Amino acid sequence: MNSTINEWLSHPLVHTVWKIALVVVIFFIVRALGRKLIAGAFNRSIRASQARLKTLKSLTQNVFSYVLLFIVAMTILEILGFNLGPILAGAGVVGLAVAFGAQGLVSDVVTGFFLLLERQLEVGDYVTAGGVEGIVEELGFRTTLIRGFDGTLHYVPNRNIANVDNHSRGNMRALVDISIPAGQKLDESLAMVKEALENFSHPAIVSGPDVLGVESDDLATTTIRVIAKTDNMEQWAVEREIRQAIRQRYDAFSQPENE
C-alpha cells in the first residue's frame, strides 16, 4: 500500500500538479498582500482628494494584479514544459497588432492618466469638458462620466477632452441683468435696485452685491447689471434671491400707483 502511494506521489504528473497548486497559492497570497500594501499607501496620503485617491488606488491595484497574473501564467506554462521564447515572441507580435488597432484606447488611457495626475478634474466638480457641461460623477482612465443639469449622464472618451473648464475652483460670480422697459425713468430704476439690495444678505455671498449700472440700452429696454461674489456652486441660488428681492421692491414701488 505504501509503495503504491509512493509511486503515485513520485509520478511526474503529480509533481506538476503540486507545483502548479503551489504557484496558484503563492499568487493569491502575494496579490492579497500587495493590494493591502497599495491601499495602505494611498490611505496614508493626505495631499489629494478622496475621489482621486480612490481612483488611483483602484488603478494601481488592477495593474499590480494583471502583472502578477501574467507572471503566474508564464510560470505555469514553464512548469508544463512549454518553450516560452516563441510564446513571448508571438505575444509581442500580437501586442503590437493590438496596439495599432487600439490607438484610440491608448489615447484615452494616456489622457486619463494626465487628467488625474494634474488634478484637472475631480468627482463633484462642475466642469465643461469634451463639449459637455455638468457635474463630474466618475473619473476613469478610458472615459469620464459627467452628469448634465438636465439629468443626462454623458460618457465622454478621455481623448475628446482637449481642454477643461473647471468652474469649481475658487469663488464664483453671481450675475443678474435687470431689464427696465422703455418709458420708465432710469434714475428711479437704479435707485430702486440699489434700495432693494441695500440690506440684502445671503450666507453664500463673499462680497457684494454691487449695482454696476447700465449694461445695455436700446429703444425697447434698458439693462441694469448686478454682480456678487459667492461660494462655489452657490451662484445660482444667490442670483434667484437677488431677482426676488428686486422684484419685491419693484412691486412695493409700483403699488401706490396702482391704487
Protein backbone atom coordinates (compact mmCIF):
# COMPACT_ATOMS: atom_id res chain seq x y z
CA MET A 1 0.00 0.00 0.00
CA ASN A 2 2.79 2.36 0.99
CA SER A 3 4.73 1.52 -2.13
CA THR A 4 1.68 2.31 -4.24
CA ILE A 5 1.29 5.70 -2.56
CA ASN A 6 4.97 6.45 -3.00
CA GLU A 7 4.80 5.54 -6.66
CA TRP A 8 1.76 7.76 -7.08
CA LEU A 9 3.43 10.67 -5.30
CA SER A 10 6.58 10.27 -7.34
CA HIS A 11 4.68 10.33 -10.62
CA PRO A 12 5.76 13.33 -12.76
CA LEU A 13 2.15 14.41 -13.31
CA VAL A 14 1.55 14.64 -9.56
CA HIS A 15 4.70 16.73 -9.16
CA THR A 16 3.49 19.04 -11.89
CA VAL A 17 0.05 19.43 -10.25
CA TRP A 18 1.66 20.19 -6.88
CA LYS A 19 3.93 22.81 -8.43
CA ILE A 20 1.01 24.49 -10.19
CA ALA A 21 -1.06 24.42 -6.99
CA LEU A 22 1.83 25.97 -5.06
CA VAL A 23 2.20 28.73 -7.66
CA VAL A 24 -1.53 29.49 -7.51
CA VAL A 25 -1.47 29.66 -3.70
CA ILE A 26 1.53 31.97 -3.76
CA PHE A 27 -0.25 34.14 -6.35
CA PHE A 28 -3.28 34.67 -4.10
CA ILE A 29 -1.12 35.38 -1.06
CA VAL A 30 1.12 37.87 -2.87
CA ARG A 31 -1.86 39.54 -4.53
CA ALA A 32 -3.67 39.98 -1.22
CA LEU A 33 -0.56 41.38 0.48
CA GLY A 34 0.24 43.65 -2.46
CA ARG A 35 -3.27 45.08 -2.68
CA LYS A 36 -3.25 45.67 1.08
CA LEU A 37 0.08 47.49 0.92
CA ILE A 38 -1.11 49.62 -2.00
CA ALA A 39 -4.33 50.51 -0.18
CA GLY A 40 -2.37 51.41 2.94
CA ALA A 41 0.00 53.63 0.97
CA PHE A 42 -2.87 55.58 -0.60
CA ASN A 43 -4.83 55.78 2.67
CA ARG A 44 -1.86 57.48 4.33
CA SER A 45 -1.78 60.16 1.64
CA ILE A 46 -3.46 63.43 2.66
CA ARG A 47 -2.49 65.66 -0.26
CA ALA A 48 -5.22 64.54 -2.66
CA SER A 49 -9.00 64.32 -2.55
CA GLN A 50 -10.68 61.07 -1.57
CA ALA A 51 -12.17 60.69 -5.05
CA ARG A 52 -8.75 60.99 -6.71
CA LEU A 53 -7.12 58.65 -4.17
CA LYS A 54 -9.84 56.06 -4.69
CA THR A 55 -9.41 56.15 -8.47
CA LEU A 56 -5.60 55.92 -8.34
CA LYS A 57 -5.71 53.17 -5.72
CA SER A 58 -8.08 51.06 -7.81
CA LEU A 59 -5.97 51.55 -10.92
CA THR A 60 -2.70 50.63 -9.17
CA GLN A 61 -4.23 47.52 -7.64
CA ASN A 62 -5.56 46.39 -11.01
CA VAL A 63 -2.21 46.94 -12.75
CA PHE A 64 -0.46 45.02 -9.96
CA SER A 65 -2.93 42.12 -10.28
CA TYR A 66 -2.55 41.96 -14.07
CA VAL A 67 1.25 41.94 -13.92
CA LEU A 68 1.21 39.29 -11.22
CA LEU A 69 -1.27 37.19 -13.21
CA PHE A 70 0.97 37.39 -16.28
CA ILE A 71 3.97 36.20 -14.25
CA VAL A 72 1.93 33.29 -12.82
CA ALA A 73 0.70 32.29 -16.29
CA MET A 74 4.25 32.26 -17.64
CA THR A 75 5.44 30.24 -14.64
CA ILE A 76 2.70 27.64 -15.11
CA LEU A 77 3.49 27.31 -18.81
CA GLU A 78 7.14 26.78 -17.93
CA ILE A 79 6.18 24.08 -15.41
CA LEU A 80 4.12 22.37 -18.12
CA GLY A 81 7.22 22.27 -20.31
CA PHE A 82 6.35 24.92 -22.86
CA ASN A 83 9.15 26.85 -24.54
CA LEU A 84 8.49 30.44 -23.51
CA GLY A 85 10.71 32.02 -26.18
CA PRO A 86 8.33 31.54 -29.13
CA ILE A 87 5.33 32.30 -26.91
CA LEU A 88 6.76 35.62 -25.76
CA ALA A 89 7.77 36.49 -29.32
CA GLY A 90 4.26 35.71 -30.56
CA ALA A 91 2.76 37.71 -27.70
CA GLY A 92 4.93 40.64 -28.74
CA VAL A 93 3.65 40.48 -32.32
CA VAL A 94 0.04 40.18 -31.15
CA GLY A 95 0.54 43.05 -28.71
CA LEU A 96 1.92 45.23 -31.47
CA ALA A 97 -1.06 44.46 -33.70
CA VAL A 98 -3.47 45.21 -30.88
CA ALA A 99 -1.67 48.49 -30.15
CA PHE A 100 -2.11 49.62 -33.75
CA GLY A 101 -5.78 48.66 -33.68
CA ALA A 102 -6.44 50.29 -30.32
CA GLN A 103 -4.80 53.67 -30.74
CA GLY A 104 -7.96 55.37 -29.51
CA LEU A 105 -7.97 53.27 -26.34
CA VAL A 106 -4.30 54.08 -25.71
CA SER A 107 -5.05 57.77 -26.21
CA ASP A 108 -7.94 57.51 -23.71
CA VAL A 109 -5.69 55.88 -21.11
CA VAL A 110 -2.83 58.36 -21.53
CA THR A 111 -5.15 61.37 -21.42
CA GLY A 112 -6.99 59.97 -18.40
CA PHE A 113 -3.71 59.43 -16.59
CA PHE A 114 -2.68 63.08 -17.01
CA LEU A 115 -6.17 64.34 -16.12
CA LEU A 116 -5.81 62.56 -12.78
CA LEU A 117 -2.15 63.37 -12.30
CA GLU A 118 -2.63 67.10 -12.90
CA ARG A 119 -5.91 67.22 -10.93
CA GLN A 120 -7.75 68.88 -13.78
CA LEU A 121 -10.93 67.03 -12.78
CA GLU A 122 -12.27 65.57 -9.58
CA VAL A 123 -15.55 63.91 -8.69
CA GLY A 124 -18.14 66.56 -7.80
CA ASP A 125 -16.56 69.33 -9.87
CA TYR A 126 -18.72 71.49 -12.14
CA VAL A 127 -16.89 71.43 -15.47
CA THR A 128 -17.14 71.98 -19.19
CA ALA A 129 -15.13 69.25 -20.94
CA GLY A 130 -15.38 67.48 -24.27
CA GLY A 131 -18.27 69.70 -25.30
CA VAL A 132 -20.30 68.68 -22.22
CA GLU A 133 -21.24 70.78 -19.21
CA GLY A 134 -22.19 69.31 -15.86
CA ILE A 135 -21.01 67.65 -12.66
CA VAL A 136 -18.26 65.01 -12.75
CA GLU A 137 -19.62 61.73 -11.37
CA GLU A 138 -16.79 59.35 -12.16
CA LEU A 139 -13.22 59.56 -13.40
CA GLY A 140 -11.79 56.69 -15.40
CA PHE A 141 -8.72 56.05 -17.48
CA ARG A 142 -10.90 55.46 -20.55
CA THR A 143 -13.99 57.58 -20.01
CA THR A 144 -15.17 60.41 -17.79
CA LEU A 145 -18.79 60.45 -16.63
CA ILE A 146 -20.41 63.89 -16.49
CA ARG A 147 -23.99 64.43 -15.29
CA GLY A 148 -25.69 67.23 -17.22
CA PHE A 149 -28.04 69.61 -15.44
CA ASP A 150 -30.99 68.02 -17.24
CA GLY A 151 -30.09 64.67 -15.66
CA THR A 152 -28.37 63.16 -18.71
CA LEU A 153 -25.28 61.09 -17.92
CA HIS A 154 -22.62 61.74 -20.56
CA TYR A 155 -19.87 59.18 -21.20
CA VAL A 156 -17.01 61.27 -22.56
CA PRO A 157 -13.97 59.43 -24.01
CA ASN A 158 -10.89 60.99 -22.48
CA ARG A 159 -9.30 61.58 -25.88
CA ASN A 160 -12.17 64.00 -26.65
CA ILE A 161 -11.23 66.20 -23.69
CA ALA A 162 -8.93 68.67 -25.42
CA ASN A 163 -9.38 71.31 -22.71
CA VAL A 164 -11.12 71.52 -19.35
CA ASP A 165 -13.03 74.48 -17.91
CA ASN A 166 -13.31 73.76 -14.19
CA HIS A 167 -15.91 76.01 -12.59
CA SER A 168 -15.36 74.58 -9.11
CA ARG A 169 -12.01 76.10 -8.26
CA GLY A 170 -12.42 79.18 -6.09
CA ASN A 171 -15.30 81.60 -5.68
CA MET A 172 -17.90 82.12 -8.39
CA ARG A 173 -19.76 85.16 -9.71
CA ALA A 174 -23.48 85.70 -9.46
CA LEU A 175 -24.63 87.91 -12.34
CA VAL A 176 -28.13 89.39 -12.66
CA ASP A 177 -29.33 91.58 -15.52
CA ILE A 178 -32.50 93.58 -14.86
CA SER A 179 -34.42 94.74 -17.94
CA ILE A 180 -36.22 98.06 -17.50
CA PRO A 181 -38.95 98.78 -20.08
CA ALA A 182 -38.91 101.96 -22.15
CA GLY A 183 -40.74 104.86 -20.54
CA GLN A 184 -39.51 104.18 -17.01
CA LYS A 185 -37.04 106.74 -15.65
CA LEU A 186 -33.51 105.35 -15.42
CA ASP A 187 -32.59 107.25 -12.25
CA GLU A 188 -35.64 105.88 -10.46
CA SER A 189 -34.90 102.35 -11.64
CA LEU A 190 -31.28 102.50 -10.48
CA ALA A 191 -32.34 103.92 -7.13
CA MET A 192 -34.96 101.19 -6.74
CA VAL A 193 -32.45 98.39 -7.48
CA LYS A 194 -29.87 99.85 -5.08
CA GLU A 195 -32.52 100.24 -2.39
CA ALA A 196 -33.68 96.65 -2.88
CA LEU A 197 -30.15 95.37 -2.36
CA GLU A 198 -29.06 97.80 0.33
CA ASN A 199 -29.74 95.35 3.16
CA PHE A 200 -29.61 92.18 1.08
CA SER A 201 -27.64 89.31 2.60
CA HIS A 202 -27.05 85.65 1.87
CA PRO A 203 -24.79 83.18 3.72
CA ALA A 204 -23.06 82.19 0.47
CA ILE A 205 -22.12 85.74 -0.56
CA VAL A 206 -18.43 86.59 -0.24
CA SER A 207 -18.71 90.19 -1.45
CA GLY A 208 -21.43 92.38 -2.94
CA PRO A 209 -23.97 92.54 -4.40
CA ASP A 210 -22.89 95.59 -6.37
CA VAL A 211 -25.01 97.52 -8.85
CA LEU A 212 -22.66 98.20 -11.75
CA GLY A 213 -25.10 100.40 -13.66
CA VAL A 214 -26.41 100.29 -17.21
CA GLU A 215 -25.12 97.31 -19.17
CA SER A 216 -27.03 97.93 -22.41
CA ASP A 217 -29.68 100.28 -23.75
CA ASP A 218 -31.91 100.28 -26.83
CA LEU A 219 -35.26 101.74 -27.82
CA ALA A 220 -37.20 98.99 -26.04
CA THR A 221 -35.36 98.21 -22.79
CA THR A 222 -32.52 99.28 -20.55
CA THR A 223 -30.48 96.58 -18.79
CA ILE A 224 -29.04 97.16 -15.32
CA ARG A 225 -26.34 94.71 -14.19
CA VAL A 226 -25.81 93.44 -10.65
CA ILE A 227 -22.93 91.16 -9.61
CA ALA A 228 -21.82 89.42 -6.42
CA LYS A 229 -19.02 87.03 -5.50
CA THR A 230 -20.27 83.77 -3.95
CA ASP A 231 -19.10 80.44 -2.61
CA ASN A 232 -18.60 77.77 -5.21
CA MET A 233 -21.78 76.25 -6.69
CA GLU A 234 -23.95 78.77 -4.82
CA GLN A 235 -24.10 81.42 -7.54
CA TRP A 236 -27.44 80.25 -8.95
CA ALA A 237 -29.19 80.36 -5.58
CA VAL A 238 -27.82 83.86 -4.95
CA GLU A 239 -28.98 85.03 -8.38
CA ARG A 240 -32.51 83.80 -7.66
CA GLU A 241 -32.57 85.56 -4.30
CA ILE A 242 -31.35 88.82 -5.85
CA ARG A 243 -34.04 88.71 -8.54
CA GLN A 244 -36.68 88.01 -5.93
CA ALA A 245 -35.54 90.92 -3.73
CA ILE A 246 -35.57 93.33 -6.69
CA ARG A 247 -38.98 92.10 -7.81
CA GLN A 248 -40.44 92.54 -4.34
CA ARG A 249 -39.09 96.08 -4.16
CA TYR A 250 -40.44 96.83 -7.63
CA ASP A 251 -43.91 95.59 -6.61
CA ALA A 252 -43.81 97.72 -3.45
CA PHE A 253 -42.62 100.71 -5.51
CA SER A 254 -45.43 100.29 -8.05
CA GLN A 255 -48.21 99.51 -5.55
CA PRO A 256 -49.18 103.10 -4.66
CA GLU A 257 -49.56 103.97 -8.34
CA ASN A 258 -51.91 101.03 -8.90
CA GLU A 259 -54.07 102.10 -6.02
